[in-house]
Amino acid sequence: MTINESLRAIAGTFILISVALGWFVSPYWYLFTAFVGLNLLQSAFTKWCPMIALLRKVGLPETRSCG
């Protein structure tokens, strides 16, 4: 799995979990959903995302290798 695929999977998971927590536990969890959305939005303009930096440190590849 590449960094890009991992980022999308993590963001989607965080959003789904926080929406479920907002529904079943407390509406304050929707603030976390908003945080994830704002982070994705700012990364579109600044080309910097903290999760990508973390995934690079973990050693995930940038692209798939052919072969």
PDB file of N, CA and C in Angstrom:
ATOM      1  N   MET A   1       0.853  -1.171   0.000  1.00  0.00           N
ATOM      2  CA  MET A   1       0.000   0.000   0.000  1.00  0.00           C
ATOM      3  C   MET A   1       0.899   1.234   0.000  1.00  0.00           C
ATOM      4  N   THR A   2       0.575   2.187  -0.855  1.00  0.00           N
ATOM      5  CA  THR A   2       1.381   3.403  -0.954  1.00  0.00           C
ATOM      6  C   THR A   2       0.931   4.432   0.083  1.00  0.00           C
ATOM      7  N   ILE A   3       1.704   5.501   0.181  1.00  0.00           N
ATOM      8  CA  ILE A   3       1.373   6.583   1.118  1.00  0.00           C
ATOM      9  C   ILE A   3       0.011   7.178   0.787  1.00  0.00           C
ATOM     10  N   ASN A   4      -0.238   7.417  -0.494  1.00  0.00           N
ATOM     11  CA  ASN A   4      -1.498   8.025  -0.907  1.00  0.00           C
ATOM     12  C   ASN A   4      -2.696   7.139  -0.542  1.00  0.00           C
ATOM     13  N   GLU A   5      -2.585   5.855  -0.816  1.00  0.00           N
ATOM     14  CA  GLU A   5      -3.666   4.924  -0.480  1.00  0.00           C
ATOM     15  C   GLU A   5      -3.860   4.835   1.032  1.00  0.00           C
ATOM     16  N   SER A   6      -2.763   4.807   1.766  1.00  0.00           N
ATOM     17  CA  SER A   6      -2.834   4.733   3.222  1.00  0.00           C
ATOM     18  C   SER A   6      -3.471   5.987   3.804  1.00  0.00           C
ATOM     19  N   LEU A   7      -3.104   7.143   3.278  1.00  0.00           N
ATOM     20  CA  LEU A   7      -3.671   8.397   3.758  1.00  0.00           C
ATOM     21  C   LEU A   7      -5.187   8.410   3.578  1.00  0.00           C
ATOM     22  N   ARG A   8      -5.651   8.004   2.424  1.00  0.00           N
ATOM     23  CA  ARG A   8      -7.099   7.968   2.169  1.00  0.00           C
ATOM     24  C   ARG A   8      -7.800   6.981   3.084  1.00  0.00           C
ATOM     25  N   ALA A   9      -7.193   5.831   3.288  1.00  0.00           N
ATOM     26  CA  ALA A   9      -7.791   4.820   4.160  1.00  0.00           C
ATOM     27  C   ALA A   9      -7.866   5.307   5.607  1.00  0.00           C
ATOM     28  N   ILE A  10      -6.804   5.952   6.078  1.00  0.00           N
ATOM     29  CA  ILE A  10      -6.778   6.458   7.449  1.00  0.00           C
ATOM     30  C   ILE A  10      -7.789   7.585   7.626  1.00  0.00           C
ATOM     31  N   ALA A  11      -7.815   8.525   6.685  1.00  0.00           N
ATOM     32  CA  ALA A  11      -8.765   9.641   6.778  1.00  0.00           C
ATOM     33  C   ALA A  11     -10.202   9.124   6.762  1.00  0.00           C
ATOM     34  N   GLY A  12     -10.509   8.200   5.874  1.00  0.00           N
ATOM     35  CA  GLY A  12     -11.854   7.628   5.815  1.00  0.00           C
ATOM     36  C   GLY A  12     -12.227   6.905   7.091  1.00  0.00           C
ATOM     37  N   THR A  13     -11.271   6.167   7.643  1.00  0.00           N
ATOM     38  CA  THR A  13     -11.516   5.451   8.896  1.00  0.00           C
ATOM     39  C   THR A  13     -11.767   6.427  10.042  1.00  0.00           C
ATOM     40  N   PHE A  14     -10.921   7.467  10.151  1.00  0.00           N
ATOM     41  CA  PHE A  14     -11.112   8.468  11.198  1.00  0.00           C
ATOM     42  C   PHE A  14     -12.479   9.141  11.084  1.00  0.00           C
ATOM     43  N   ILE A  15     -12.878   9.466   9.870  1.00  0.00           N
ATOM     44  CA  ILE A  15     -14.167  10.131   9.678  1.00  0.00           C
ATOM     45  C   ILE A  15     -15.316   9.213  10.065  1.00  0.00           C
ATOM     46  N   LEU A  16     -15.289   7.972   9.607  1.00  0.00           N
ATOM     47  CA  LEU A  16     -16.366   7.039   9.942  1.00  0.00           C
ATOM     48  C   LEU A  16     -16.448   6.772  11.443  1.00  0.00           C
ATOM     49  N   ILE A  17     -15.298   6.595  12.085  1.00  0.00           N
ATOM     50  CA  ILE A  17     -15.289   6.344  13.528  1.00  0.00           C
ATOM     51  C   ILE A  17     -15.804   7.566  14.294  1.00  0.00           C
ATOM     52  N   SER A  18     -15.361   8.760  13.894  1.00  0.00           N
ATOM     53  CA  SER A  18     -15.794   9.943  14.631  1.00  0.00           C
ATOM     54  C   SER A  18     -17.272  10.252  14.408  1.00  0.00           C
ATOM     55  N   VAL A  19     -17.793   9.947  13.230  1.00  0.00           N
ATOM     56  CA  VAL A  19     -19.235  10.122  13.006  1.00  0.00           C
ATOM     57  C   VAL A  19     -20.019   9.136  13.873  1.00  0.00           C
ATOM     58  N   ALA A  20     -19.551   7.900  13.945  1.00  0.00           N
ATOM     59  CA  ALA A  20     -20.224   6.905  14.792  1.00  0.00           C
ATOM     60  C   ALA A  20     -20.159   7.323  16.262  1.00  0.00           C
ATOM     61  N   LEU A  21     -19.002   7.796  16.705  1.00  0.00           N
ATOM     62  CA  LEU A  21     -18.876   8.252  18.090  1.00  0.00           C
ATOM     63  C   LEU A  21     -19.760   9.471  18.351  1.00  0.00           C
ATOM     64  N   GLY A  22     -19.870  10.348  17.367  1.00  0.00           N
ATOM     65  CA  GLY A  22     -20.743  11.503  17.503  1.00  0.00           C
ATOM     66  C   GLY A  22     -22.202  11.103  17.612  1.00  0.00           C
ATOM     67  N   TRP A  23     -22.576  10.074  16.906  1.00  0.00           N
ATOM     68  CA  TRP A  23     -23.962   9.601  16.935  1.00  0.00           C
ATOM     69  C   TRP A  23     -24.278   8.849  18.226  1.00  0.00           C
ATOM     70  N   PHE A  24     -23.391   7.951  18.635  1.00  0.00           N
ATOM     71  CA  PHE A  24     -23.670   7.059  19.758  1.00  0.00           C
ATOM     72  C   PHE A  24     -23.155   7.561  21.115  1.00  0.00           C
ATOM     73  N   VAL A  25     -22.124   8.398  21.127  1.00  0.00           N
ATOM     74  CA  VAL A  25     -21.497   8.781  22.391  1.00  0.00           C
ATOM     75  C   VAL A  25     -21.763  10.245  22.734  1.00  0.00           C
ATOM     76  N   SER A  26     -21.247  11.154  21.901  1.00  0.00           N
ATOM     77  CA  SER A  26     -21.388  12.586  22.194  1.00  0.00           C
ATOM     78  C   SER A  26     -21.233  13.375  20.897  1.00  0.00           C
ATOM     79  N   PRO A  27     -22.057  14.394  20.708  1.00  0.00           N
ATOM     80  CA  PRO A  27     -21.925  15.215  19.504  1.00  0.00           C
ATOM     81  C   PRO A  27     -20.592  15.955  19.406  1.00  0.00           C
ATOM     82  N   TYR A  28     -19.860  16.052  20.497  1.00  0.00           N
ATOM     83  CA  TYR A  28     -18.562  16.704  20.452  1.00  0.00           C
ATOM     84  C   TYR A  28     -17.571  15.968  19.547  1.00  0.00           C
ATOM     85  N   TRP A  29     -17.807  14.693  19.293  1.00  0.00           N
ATOM     86  CA  TRP A  29     -16.946  13.938  18.393  1.00  0.00           C
ATOM     87  C   TRP A  29     -17.007  14.468  16.969  1.00  0.00           C
ATOM     88  N   TYR A  30     -18.074  15.184  16.618  1.00  0.00           N
ATOM     89  CA  TYR A  30     -18.162  15.776  15.285  1.00  0.00           C
ATOM     90  C   TYR A  30     -17.075  16.828  15.081  1.00  0.00           C
ATOM     91  N   LEU A  31     -16.556  17.376  16.158  1.00  0.00           N
ATOM     92  CA  LEU A  31     -15.442  18.310  16.048  1.00  0.00           C
ATOM     93  C   LEU A  31     -14.199  17.619  15.491  1.00  0.00           C
ATOM     94  N   PHE A  32     -14.008  16.364  15.856  1.00  0.00           N
ATOM     95  CA  PHE A  32     -12.882  15.606  15.304  1.00  0.00           C
ATOM     96  C   PHE A  32     -13.093  15.361  13.814  1.00  0.00           C
ATOM     97  N   THR A  33     -14.328  15.099  13.414  1.00  0.00           N
ATOM     98  CA  THR A  33     -14.641  14.945  12.000  1.00  0.00           C
ATOM     99  C   THR A  33     -14.293  16.225  11.250  1.00  0.00           C
ATOM    100  N   ALA A  34     -14.669  17.366  11.821  1.00  0.00           N
ATOM    101  CA  ALA A  34     -14.349  18.651  11.206  1.00  0.00           C
ATOM    102  C   ALA A  34     -12.841  18.870  11.139  1.00  0.00           C
ATOM    103  N   PHE A  35     -12.116  18.463  12.175  1.00  0.00           N
ATOM    104  CA  PHE A  35     -10.660  18.604  12.186  1.00  0.00           C
ATOM    105  C   PHE A  35     -10.027  17.814  11.043  1.00  0.00           C
ATOM    106  N   VAL A  36     -10.473  16.591  10.843  1.00  0.00           N
ATOM    107  CA  VAL A  36      -9.931  15.763   9.759  1.00  0.00           C
ATOM    108  C   VAL A  36     -10.239  16.413   8.408  1.00  0.00           C
ATOM    109  N   GLY A  37     -11.468  16.886   8.242  1.00  0.00           N
ATOM    110  CA  GLY A  37     -11.840  17.543   6.997  1.00  0.00           C
ATOM    111  C   GLY A  37     -11.034  18.809   6.741  1.00  0.00           C
ATOM    112  N   LEU A  38     -10.848  19.616   7.768  1.00  0.00           N
ATOM    113  CA  LEU A  38     -10.049  20.835   7.615  1.00  0.00           C
ATOM    114  C   LEU A  38      -8.587  20.517   7.305  1.00  0.00           C
ATOM    115  N   ASN A  39      -8.074  19.468   7.908  1.00  0.00           N
ATOM    116  CA  ASN A  39      -6.697  19.065   7.634  1.00  0.00           C
ATOM    117  C   ASN A  39      -6.552  18.624   6.181  1.00  0.00           C
ATOM    118  N   LEU A  40      -7.516  17.874   5.670  1.00  0.00           N
ATOM    119  CA  LEU A  40      -7.474  17.466   4.266  1.00  0.00           C
ATOM    120  C   LEU A  40      -7.568  18.683   3.347  1.00  0.00           C
ATOM    121  N   LEU A  41      -8.415  19.632   3.706  1.00  0.00           N
ATOM    122  CA  LEU A  41      -8.574  20.833   2.899  1.00  0.00           C
ATOM    123  C   LEU A  41      -7.305  21.672   2.887  1.00  0.00           C
ATOM    124  N   GLN A  42      -6.699  21.890   4.043  1.00  0.00           N
ATOM    125  CA  GLN A  42      -5.481  22.697   4.078  1.00  0.00           C
ATOM    126  C   GLN A  42      -4.348  22.003   3.341  1.00  0.00           C
ATOM    127  N   SER A  43      -4.300  20.676   3.392  1.00  0.00           N
ATOM    128  CA  SER A  43      -3.219  19.968   2.696  1.00  0.00           C
ATOM    129  C   SER A  43      -3.355  20.088   1.181  1.00  0.00           C
ATOM    130  N   ALA A  44      -4.573  20.296   0.685  1.00  0.00           N
ATOM    131  CA  ALA A  44      -4.768  20.490  -0.752  1.00  0.00           C
ATOM    132  C   ALA A  44      -4.126  21.799  -1.211  1.00  0.00           C
ATOM    133  N   PHE A  45      -4.107  22.805  -0.343  1.00  0.00           N
ATOM    134  CA  PHE A  45      -3.548  24.113  -0.713  1.00  0.00           C
ATOM    135  C   PHE A  45      -2.082  24.260  -0.339  1.00  0.00           C
ATOM    136  N   THR A  46      -1.667  23.671   0.784  1.00  0.00           N
ATOM    137  CA  THR A  46      -0.288  23.842   1.234  1.00  0.00           C
ATOM    138  C   THR A  46       0.635  22.726   0.782  1.00  0.00           C
ATOM    139  N   LYS A  47       0.067  21.627   0.310  1.00  0.00           N
ATOM    140  CA  LYS A  47       0.836  20.442  -0.114  1.00  0.00           C
ATOM    141  C   LYS A  47       1.610  19.817   1.046  1.00  0.00           C
ATOM    142  N   TRP A  48       1.129  20.027   2.286  1.00  0.00           N
ATOM    143  CA  TRP A  48       1.754  19.444   3.472  1.00  0.00           C
ATOM    144  C   TRP A  48       0.685  18.819   4.340  1.00  0.00           C
ATOM    145  N   CYS A  49       0.925  17.591   4.745  1.00  0.00           N
ATOM    146  CA  CYS A  49      -0.011  16.870   5.602  1.00  0.00           C
ATOM    147  C   CYS A  49       0.789  16.143   6.680  1.00  0.00           C
ATOM    148  N   PRO A  50       0.459  16.355   7.948  1.00  0.00           N
ATOM    149  CA  PRO A  50       1.203  15.698   9.023  1.00  0.00           C
ATOM    150  C   PRO A  50       1.173  14.168   8.920  1.00  0.00           C
ATOM    151  N   MET A  51       0.060  13.607   8.481  1.00  0.00           N
ATOM    152  CA  MET A  51      -0.034  12.143   8.384  1.00  0.00           C
ATOM    153  C   MET A  51       0.916  11.608   7.315  1.00  0.00           C
ATOM    154  N   ILE A  52       1.100  12.342   6.232  1.00  0.00           N
ATOM    155  CA  ILE A  52       2.035  11.884   5.195  1.00  0.00           C
ATOM    156  C   ILE A  52       3.452  11.862   5.750  1.00  0.00           C
ATOM    157  N   ALA A  53       3.812  12.867   6.542  1.00  0.00           N
ATOM    158  CA  ALA A  53       5.141  12.882   7.165  1.00  0.00           C
ATOM    159  C   ALA A  53       5.319  11.649   8.058  1.00  0.00           C
ATOM    160  N   LEU A  54       4.279  11.305   8.802  1.00  0.00           N
ATOM    161  CA  LEU A  54       4.339  10.128   9.664  1.00  0.00           C
ATOM    162  C   LEU A  54       4.452   8.843   8.841  1.00  0.00           C
ATOM    163  N   LEU A  55       3.685   8.744   7.772  1.00  0.00           N
ATOM    164  CA  LEU A  55       3.724   7.540   6.935  1.00  0.00           C
ATOM    165  C   LEU A  55       5.079   7.387   6.244  1.00  0.00           C
ATOM    166  N   ARG A  56       5.704   8.497   5.895  1.00  0.00           N
ATOM    167  CA  ARG A  56       7.061   8.423   5.320  1.00  0.00           C
ATOM    168  C   ARG A  56       8.050   7.889   6.350  1.00  0.00           C
ATOM    169  N   LYS A  57       7.927   8.351   7.601  1.00  0.00           N
ATOM    170  CA  LYS A  57       8.828   7.866   8.660  1.00  0.00           C
ATOM    171  C   LYS A  57       8.647   6.378   8.902  1.00  0.00           C
ATOM    172  N   VAL A  58       7.413   5.893   8.745  1.00  0.00           N
ATOM    173  CA  VAL A  58       7.124   4.472   8.927  1.00  0.00           C
ATOM    174  C   VAL A  58       7.758   3.654   7.792  1.00  0.00           C
ATOM    175  N   GLY A  59       7.965   4.293   6.643  1.00  0.00           N
ATOM    176  CA  GLY A  59       8.629   3.624   5.546  1.00  0.00           C
ATOM    177  C   GLY A  59       7.732   3.165   4.420  1.00  0.00           C
ATOM    178  N   LEU A  60       6.531   3.692   4.345  1.00  0.00           N
ATOM    179  CA  LEU A  60       5.655   3.317   3.240  1.00  0.00           C
ATOM    180  C   LEU A  60       6.174   3.923   1.937  1.00  0.00           C
ATOM    181  N   PRO A  61       6.022   3.189   0.837  1.00  0.00           N
ATOM    182  CA  PRO A  61       6.536   3.711  -0.441  1.00  0.00           C
ATOM    183  C   PRO A  61       5.653   4.820  -1.000  1.00  0.00           C
ATOM    184  N   GLU A  62       6.274   5.731  -1.737  1.00  0.00           N
ATOM    185  CA  GLU A  62       5.548   6.829  -2.380  1.00  0.00           C
ATOM    186  C   GLU A  62       4.688   6.308  -3.531  1.00  0.00           C
ATOM    187  N   THR A  63       5.254   5.402  -4.303  1.00  0.00           N
ATOM    188  CA  THR A  63       4.558   4.834  -5.469  1.00  0.00           C
ATOM    189  C   THR A  63       4.741   3.323  -5.480  1.00  0.00           C
ATOM    190  N   ARG A  64       3.916   2.687  -6.287  1.00  0.00           N
ATOM    191  CA  ARG A  64       4.068   1.237  -6.463  1.00  0.00           C
ATOM    192  C   ARG A  64       5.230   0.965  -7.410  1.00  0.00           C
ATOM    193  N   SER A  65       5.980  -0.071  -7.092  1.00  0.00           N
ATOM    194  CA  SER A  65       7.048  -0.473  -8.001  1.00  0.00           C
ATOM    195  C   SER A  65       6.512  -1.510  -8.974  1.00  0.00           C
ATOM    196  N   CYS A  66       6.935  -1.407 -10.206  1.00  0.00           N
ATOM    197  CA  CYS A  66       6.488  -2.375 -11.223  1.00  0.00           C
ATOM    198  C   CYS A  66       7.334  -3.634 -11.091  1.00  0.00           C
ATOM    199  N   GLY A  67       6.662  -4.746 -11.151  1.00  0.00           N
ATOM    200  CA  GLY A  67       7.451  -5.963 -11.120  1.00  0.00           C
ATOM    201  C   GLY A  67       6.905  -6.919 -10.228  1.00  0.00           C
TER     202      GLY A  67
END
